[in-house]
N, C-alpha and C. Protein backbone atom coordinates (compact mmCIF):
# COMPACT_ATOMS: atom_id res chain seq x y z
N MET A 1 0.66 -1.31 -0.34
CA MET A 1 0.25 -0.23 0.01
C MET A 1 1.35 1.38 0.31
N ALA A 2 2.07 1.59 1.04
CA ALA A 2 2.96 2.65 0.83
C ALA A 2 3.89 2.92 0.12
N ALA A 3 3.69 1.76 -0.91
CA ALA A 3 5.01 1.69 -2.03
C ALA A 3 3.37 2.39 -3.79
N LYS A 4 2.47 1.87 -3.62
CA LYS A 4 1.06 2.71 -4.14
C LYS A 4 1.27 4.10 -4.35
N THR A 5 0.57 4.80 -2.83
CA THR A 5 0.48 5.72 -2.04
C THR A 5 1.61 6.81 -3.08
N MET A 6 2.64 6.00 -2.87
CA MET A 6 4.35 6.93 -2.95
C MET A 6 4.41 7.07 -4.18
N HIS A 7 4.01 5.84 -5.60
CA HIS A 7 4.39 5.86 -6.35
C HIS A 7 3.09 7.52 -7.29
N SER A 8 1.99 7.12 -6.51
CA SER A 8 0.68 8.16 -6.85
C SER A 8 0.88 9.66 -6.72
N ARG A 9 1.55 9.99 -6.07
CA ARG A 9 1.67 11.23 -5.90
C ARG A 9 3.15 11.61 -6.01
N TRP A 10 4.29 10.40 -6.38
CA TRP A 10 5.28 11.33 -7.41
C TRP A 10 4.68 11.46 -8.32
N ARG A 11 3.95 10.90 -8.98
CA ARG A 11 3.08 10.94 -10.80
C ARG A 11 2.49 12.16 -10.45
N ALA A 12 1.76 12.83 -8.92
CA ALA A 12 1.22 13.78 -9.50
C ALA A 12 1.53 14.95 -9.61
N THR A 13 3.20 14.30 -8.36
CA THR A 13 4.21 15.19 -8.85
C THR A 13 4.93 16.37 -9.78
N ARG A 14 4.70 15.63 -10.50
CA ARG A 14 5.32 14.85 -11.58
C ARG A 14 4.60 15.92 -13.25
N ASP A 15 2.95 15.61 -12.97
CA ASP A 15 2.12 16.15 -13.89
C ASP A 15 1.64 17.86 -13.68
N SER A 16 1.79 17.80 -12.07
CA SER A 16 2.26 19.02 -11.73
C SER A 16 3.23 20.15 -12.24
N LEU A 17 4.71 19.53 -11.80
CA LEU A 17 5.08 20.47 -12.36
C LEU A 17 6.29 20.52 -14.23
N GLY A 18 5.27 19.58 -15.21
CA GLY A 18 5.00 19.74 -16.41
C GLY A 18 3.55 20.92 -16.58
N GLU A 19 2.57 21.07 -15.75
CA GLU A 19 1.89 22.50 -15.74
C GLU A 19 1.72 23.29 -15.00
N THR A 20 3.65 23.07 -14.55
CA THR A 20 3.57 24.91 -13.64
C THR A 20 4.49 24.88 -13.99
N GLY A 21 5.67 23.95 -15.45
CA GLY A 21 7.13 24.54 -14.84
C GLY A 21 7.52 25.84 -16.08
N ASP A 22 6.88 26.26 -16.55
CA ASP A 22 7.12 27.41 -17.15
C ASP A 22 6.72 28.94 -15.93
N ARG A 23 5.63 29.07 -15.75
CA ARG A 23 5.31 29.69 -15.11
C ARG A 23 6.39 30.57 -14.05
N PRO A 24 7.50 29.96 -13.91
CA PRO A 24 8.86 31.16 -13.45
C PRO A 24 9.67 31.91 -14.43
N VAL A 25 9.48 30.58 -15.42
CA VAL A 25 9.86 32.32 -16.61
C VAL A 25 9.59 32.77 -17.39
N GLU A 26 8.23 32.35 -17.22
CA GLU A 26 7.10 33.93 -17.38
C GLU A 26 7.19 34.84 -16.21
N THR A 27 7.64 34.88 -15.02
CA THR A 27 7.21 35.66 -14.39
C THR A 27 8.96 36.02 -14.61
N VAL A 28 10.00 35.96 -14.56
CA VAL A 28 10.87 36.64 -14.73
C VAL A 28 10.90 36.82 -16.06
N CYS A 29 10.41 36.68 -17.09
CA CYS A 29 10.46 37.61 -18.36
C CYS A 29 9.51 38.85 -18.06
N SER A 30 8.23 38.87 -17.23
CA SER A 30 7.10 39.89 -17.66
C SER A 30 8.65 41.04 -16.19
N ALA A 31 8.66 40.47 -15.52
CA ALA A 31 9.51 41.96 -14.33
C ALA A 31 9.89 43.16 -15.61
N ARG A 32 9.44 43.42 -14.33
CA ARG A 32 9.64 45.41 -14.87
C ARG A 32 11.37 45.93 -15.01
N ALA A 33 11.20 45.17 -13.93
CA ALA A 33 12.56 45.98 -12.71
C ALA A 33 13.77 44.11 -12.73
N PRO A 34 14.31 43.47 -13.85
CA PRO A 34 14.24 42.67 -13.49
C PRO A 34 16.04 42.99 -12.91
N ARG A 35 16.82 43.87 -12.76
CA ARG A 35 17.50 44.29 -11.91
C ARG A 35 17.37 44.50 -10.76
N ALA A 36 16.28 45.39 -10.47
CA ALA A 36 15.56 45.31 -8.62
C ALA A 36 15.98 44.03 -8.28
N LYS A 37 16.36 44.71 -6.68
CA LYS A 37 17.10 43.55 -5.81
C LYS A 37 15.54 42.84 -5.28
N VAL A 38 15.62 41.70 -5.36
CA VAL A 38 14.84 41.32 -4.24
C VAL A 38 14.86 40.30 -2.94
N THR A 39 16.94 40.16 -2.92
CA THR A 39 17.20 39.84 -1.55
C THR A 39 18.02 41.05 -1.19
N ALA A 40 18.79 40.24 -0.48
CA ALA A 40 20.05 41.46 0.45
C ALA A 40 20.68 41.64 -1.11
N ASP A 41 21.28 40.80 -1.14
CA ASP A 41 22.71 40.78 -2.79
C ASP A 41 21.96 40.44 -4.43
N ARG A 42 21.10 40.09 -3.88
CA ARG A 42 20.32 39.22 -5.90
C ARG A 42 19.81 40.17 -6.39
N SER A 43 19.93 40.02 -7.60
CA SER A 43 18.63 41.03 -8.39
C SER A 43 16.94 39.90 -8.58
N VAL A 44 16.27 40.35 -9.08
CA VAL A 44 15.61 38.76 -10.25
C VAL A 44 16.30 38.45 -10.36
N THR A 45 17.01 38.84 -11.99
CA THR A 45 18.20 37.58 -12.33
C THR A 45 18.64 37.08 -12.10
N ASP A 46 19.82 37.72 -11.31
CA ASP A 46 20.20 36.90 -10.72
C ASP A 46 19.99 35.39 -9.61
N THR A 47 18.65 35.92 -9.73
CA THR A 47 18.24 35.14 -8.03
C THR A 47 17.29 33.82 -9.15
N ALA A 48 16.97 34.00 -10.48
CA ALA A 48 16.50 33.00 -11.88
C ALA A 48 17.61 31.85 -12.01
N ALA A 49 18.32 33.05 -12.15
CA ALA A 49 20.30 32.11 -12.33
C ALA A 49 20.19 31.04 -11.63
N HIS A 50 20.23 31.29 -10.17
CA HIS A 50 20.89 30.93 -8.82
C HIS A 50 20.13 29.40 -8.79
N VAL A 51 18.47 29.53 -9.33
CA VAL A 51 17.10 28.31 -9.34
C VAL A 51 17.49 27.44 -10.02
N ALA A 52 18.23 28.05 -10.77
CA ALA A 52 18.43 27.23 -12.27
C ALA A 52 19.66 26.90 -12.24
N ALA A 53 20.52 27.07 -11.92
CA ALA A 53 21.84 26.56 -11.24
C ALA A 53 21.59 25.15 -10.40
N ILE A 54 20.70 25.51 -9.64
CA ILE A 54 20.58 24.30 -9.05
C ILE A 54 19.80 23.38 -8.51
N ALA A 55 18.57 23.65 -10.01
CA ALA A 55 17.77 22.95 -10.94
C ALA A 55 18.14 21.95 -11.79
N SER A 56 19.53 22.79 -12.06
CA SER A 56 19.69 21.83 -13.45
C SER A 56 19.85 19.86 -13.63
N PRO A 57 20.64 20.37 -12.27
CA PRO A 57 21.20 18.86 -12.38
C PRO A 57 19.29 17.48 -12.43
N TYR A 58 18.53 17.85 -12.49
CA TYR A 58 18.15 16.92 -12.17
C TYR A 58 17.36 17.30 -13.38
N ALA A 59 16.92 18.57 -13.85
CA ALA A 59 15.93 17.79 -15.41
C ALA A 59 16.09 16.65 -15.60
N PRO A 60 17.82 16.31 -16.13
CA PRO A 60 17.07 15.10 -16.93
C PRO A 60 16.82 13.69 -16.28
N ILE A 61 17.08 13.82 -14.69
CA ILE A 61 16.79 12.83 -14.05
C ILE A 61 14.72 12.51 -13.94
N LEU A 62 14.55 13.62 -14.66
CA LEU A 62 12.72 13.90 -14.65
C LEU A 62 12.14 13.68 -16.02
N ARG A 63 13.04 13.30 -16.70
CA ARG A 63 12.73 13.18 -18.17
C ARG A 63 12.87 12.16 -18.02
N VAL A 64 14.18 11.57 -17.30
CA VAL A 64 14.98 10.42 -18.25
C VAL A 64 13.69 8.85 -16.61
N GLY A 65 13.07 9.74 -15.93
CA GLY A 65 12.78 9.24 -14.94
C GLY A 65 11.24 8.82 -15.36
N GLU A 66 10.94 8.63 -16.35
CA GLU A 66 9.49 8.60 -17.09
C GLU A 66 9.09 7.16 -17.67
N HIS A 67 10.40 6.65 -17.48
CA HIS A 67 10.44 5.29 -18.17
C HIS A 67 10.83 3.85 -17.10
N LEU A 68 10.93 3.98 -15.80
CA LEU A 68 11.06 3.31 -14.64
C LEU A 68 10.98 2.62 -13.95
N ASP A 69 11.46 2.43 -13.65
CA ASP A 69 10.38 0.72 -12.51
C ASP A 69 9.40 1.59 -11.35
N PRO A 70 8.89 1.95 -10.77
CA PRO A 70 8.92 2.90 -9.89
C PRO A 70 8.83 1.45 -8.75
N ALA A 71 9.08 0.74 -7.94
CA ALA A 71 9.69 -0.46 -7.41
C ALA A 71 11.13 -0.10 -7.13
N LYS A 72 12.22 0.39 -8.04
CA LYS A 72 13.45 0.93 -7.82
C LYS A 72 13.79 2.19 -7.98
N PRO A 73 13.75 2.61 -6.88
CA PRO A 73 15.11 3.99 -6.93
C PRO A 73 15.71 4.78 -7.58
N VAL A 74 15.43 6.21 -8.50
CA VAL A 74 16.29 6.22 -8.85
C VAL A 74 17.20 7.80 -8.10
N THR A 75 18.88 7.44 -7.82
CA THR A 75 19.17 7.83 -7.06
C THR A 75 19.63 9.59 -7.41
N TRP A 76 19.39 10.71 -6.08
CA TRP A 76 19.67 11.72 -7.59
C TRP A 76 20.74 12.76 -6.88
N PRO A 77 21.36 13.83 -7.11
CA PRO A 77 22.29 14.16 -7.28
C PRO A 77 22.61 14.65 -5.30
N GLY A 78 23.72 14.42 -4.60
CA GLY A 78 23.77 14.00 -3.27
C GLY A 78 23.15 12.63 -2.88
N GLY A 79 22.93 12.09 -3.07
CA GLY A 79 22.14 10.77 -3.02
C GLY A 79 21.66 9.89 -1.76
N SER A 80 20.07 11.58 -2.31
CA SER A 80 18.52 11.06 -1.97
C SER A 80 17.77 10.67 -2.56
N GLN A 81 16.71 9.31 -2.53
CA GLN A 81 16.36 8.37 -3.69
C GLN A 81 14.61 8.54 -3.74
N VAL A 82 14.45 8.98 -4.54
CA VAL A 82 13.21 9.03 -4.83
C VAL A 82 12.83 7.81 -6.26
N PRO A 83 11.18 7.63 -5.54
CA PRO A 83 10.59 6.90 -7.01
C PRO A 83 11.10 6.28 -8.09
N GLY A 84 11.45 5.98 -9.08
CA GLY A 84 10.68 5.81 -10.46
C GLY A 84 9.41 6.53 -10.83
N PHE A 85 9.12 6.00 -12.06
CA PHE A 85 8.10 6.30 -12.83
C PHE A 85 8.03 5.72 -13.72
N MET A 86 6.46 5.56 -13.90
CA MET A 86 5.95 4.50 -14.68
C MET A 86 4.84 4.75 -15.24
N PRO A 87 4.63 5.17 -16.63
CA PRO A 87 3.15 6.07 -16.82
C PRO A 87 1.75 5.05 -16.67
C-alpha cells in the first residue's frame, strides 16, 4: 500500500511540474525591473540564474525517469532517492 501511495504522489508531482514549470520563466521575463533587488544581494535575474543552476542537474533525471520502474528508486544528486516513474 505504501509503495502504491508513494507512486501516485510522485506521478501527481510530475504532472504538476509539467503544468506549472514555465511559470517562473514567465514571471522573470515579465519583470518590470529585472535588476531590482529581491534579496539583500541578488536581483530578479540573479535569483533566477541561481535557481536554474540548482535545478539543472535534476532536469535530466525527471525526463529519464518517465520510463523507470517505480519499485526501483532513482538516486538523485546528493544521494537522496525517489521512486522511479512508470506511466
